[in-house]
């Protein structure tokens, strides 16, 4: 896993919801499949609606990118 992905994954535990949401969005842009399960967990457990939305959108973006790479 690239260092930048690890950096944003670590920031998903920040106490500031804006930081968590921003890192979730960045993970979506980076498109690393390794972040999918972490984003799913964040979506299911975080209490902040903005963080939940960012995690969901990032997960969808990564999933779509994977499907495109597979030619589906």
C-alpha atoms as a PDB file:
ATOM      1  CA  UNK A   1       0.000   0.000   0.000  1.00  0.00           C
ATOM      2  CA  UNK A   2       1.497   3.365  -0.964  1.00  0.00           C
ATOM      3  CA  UNK A   3       2.514   5.725   1.811  1.00  0.00           C
ATOM      4  CA  UNK A   4      -0.086   8.301   0.797  1.00  0.00           C
ATOM      5  CA  UNK A   5      -2.864   5.735   1.140  1.00  0.00           C
ATOM      6  CA  UNK A   6      -1.567   4.752   4.591  1.00  0.00           C
ATOM      7  CA  UNK A   7      -1.422   8.420   5.581  1.00  0.00           C
ATOM      8  CA  UNK A   8      -5.085   8.972   4.724  1.00  0.00           C
ATOM      9  CA  UNK A   9      -6.156   5.697   6.327  1.00  0.00           C
ATOM     10  CA  UNK A  10      -4.498   6.825   9.568  1.00  0.00           C
ATOM     11  CA  UNK A  11      -6.329  10.151   9.365  1.00  0.00           C
ATOM     12  CA  UNK A  12      -9.689   8.372   9.262  1.00  0.00           C
ATOM     13  CA  UNK A  13      -9.271   8.000  13.039  1.00  0.00           C
ATOM     14  CA  UNK A  14      -8.784  11.734  13.632  1.00  0.00           C
ATOM     15  CA  UNK A  15     -11.231  13.229  16.129  1.00  0.00           C
ATOM     16  CA  UNK A  16     -12.094  16.051  13.705  1.00  0.00           C
ATOM     17  CA  UNK A  17     -14.867  14.912  11.313  1.00  0.00           C
ATOM     18  CA  UNK A  18     -13.669  17.316   8.615  1.00  0.00           C
ATOM     19  CA  UNK A  19     -10.278  15.617   8.600  1.00  0.00           C
ATOM     20  CA  UNK A  20     -11.909  12.188   8.391  1.00  0.00           C
ATOM     21  CA  UNK A  21     -14.186  13.275   5.535  1.00  0.00           C
ATOM     22  CA  UNK A  22     -11.319  14.883   3.613  1.00  0.00           C
ATOM     23  CA  UNK A  23      -9.178  11.774   3.955  1.00  0.00           C
ATOM     24  CA  UNK A  24     -12.042   9.552   2.803  1.00  0.00           C
ATOM     25  CA  UNK A  25     -12.444  11.735  -0.293  1.00  0.00           C
ATOM     26  CA  UNK A  26      -8.692  11.570  -0.955  1.00  0.00           C
ATOM     27  CA  UNK A  27      -8.777   7.781  -0.708  1.00  0.00           C
ATOM     28  CA  UNK A  28     -11.513   7.779  -3.323  1.00  0.00           C
ATOM     29  CA  UNK A  29      -9.344   9.854  -5.629  1.00  0.00           C
ATOM     30  CA  UNK A  30      -6.327   7.624  -5.065  1.00  0.00           C
ATOM     31  CA  UNK A  31      -8.424   4.608  -6.001  1.00  0.00           C
ATOM     32  CA  UNK A  32      -6.505   1.953  -4.057  1.00  0.00           C
ATOM     33  CA  UNK A  33      -8.663  -1.141  -3.579  1.00  0.00           C
ATOM     34  CA  UNK A  34      -6.980  -1.796  -0.226  1.00  0.00           C
ATOM     35  CA  UNK A  35      -8.976   1.117   1.214  1.00  0.00           C
ATOM     36  CA  UNK A  36     -12.385  -0.390   0.386  1.00  0.00           C
ATOM     37  CA  UNK A  37     -12.882  -2.391   3.577  1.00  0.00           C
ATOM     38  CA  UNK A  38     -11.665   0.504   5.721  1.00  0.00           C
ATOM     39  CA  UNK A  39     -14.053   2.913   4.010  1.00  0.00           C
ATOM     40  CA  UNK A  40     -16.892   0.443   4.483  1.00  0.00           C
ATOM     41  CA  UNK A  41     -16.124   0.226   8.202  1.00  0.00           C
ATOM     42  CA  UNK A  42     -15.975   4.015   8.433  1.00  0.00           C
ATOM     43  CA  UNK A  43     -19.356   4.289   6.700  1.00  0.00           C
ATOM     44  CA  UNK A  44     -20.907   1.805   9.112  1.00  0.00           C
ATOM     45  CA  UNK A  45     -19.427   3.173  12.341  1.00  0.00           C
ATOM     46  CA  UNK A  46     -18.896   6.925  12.031  1.00  0.00           C
ATOM     47  CA  UNK A  47     -21.576   9.152  13.532  1.00  0.00           C
ATOM     48  CA  UNK A  48     -20.963  12.202  11.363  1.00  0.00           C
ATOM     49  CA  UNK A  49     -23.209  12.328   8.261  1.00  0.00           C
ATOM     50  CA  UNK A  50     -20.576  14.143   6.166  1.00  0.00           C
ATOM     51  CA  UNK A  51     -17.982  11.473   6.990  1.00  0.00           C
ATOM     52  CA  UNK A  52     -20.443   8.692   6.190  1.00  0.00           C
ATOM     53  CA  UNK A  53     -21.290  10.309   2.856  1.00  0.00           C
ATOM     54  CA  UNK A  54     -17.618  10.838   1.979  1.00  0.00           C
ATOM     55  CA  UNK A  55     -16.792   7.227   2.847  1.00  0.00           C
ATOM     56  CA  UNK A  56     -19.682   5.937   0.738  1.00  0.00           C
ATOM     57  CA  UNK A  57     -18.778   8.098  -2.266  1.00  0.00           C
ATOM     58  CA  UNK A  58     -15.105   7.154  -2.019  1.00  0.00           C
ATOM     59  CA  UNK A  59     -15.949   3.471  -1.839  1.00  0.00           C
ATOM     60  CA  UNK A  60     -18.174   3.766  -4.898  1.00  0.00           C
ATOM     61  CA  UNK A  61     -15.458   5.612  -6.827  1.00  0.00           C
ATOM     62  CA  UNK A  62     -12.886   2.924  -6.038  1.00  0.00           C
ATOM     63  CA  UNK A  63     -15.325   0.137  -6.910  1.00  0.00           C
ATOM     64  CA  UNK A  64     -16.148   1.781 -10.259  1.00  0.00           C
ATOM     65  CA  UNK A  65     -12.460   2.230 -11.046  1.00  0.00           C
ATOM     66  CA  UNK A  66     -11.795  -1.453 -10.332  1.00  0.00           C
ATOM     67  CA  UNK A  67     -14.666  -2.520 -12.585  1.00  0.00           C
ATOM     68  CA  UNK A  68     -13.418  -0.291 -15.394  1.00  0.00           C
ATOM     69  CA  UNK A  69      -9.925  -1.756 -15.078  1.00  0.00           C
ATOM     70  CA  UNK A  70     -11.407  -5.239 -15.311  1.00  0.00           C
ATOM     71  CA  UNK A  71     -13.338  -4.244 -18.406  1.00  0.00           C
ATOM     72  CA  UNK A  72     -16.788  -4.781 -16.906  1.00  0.00           C
END
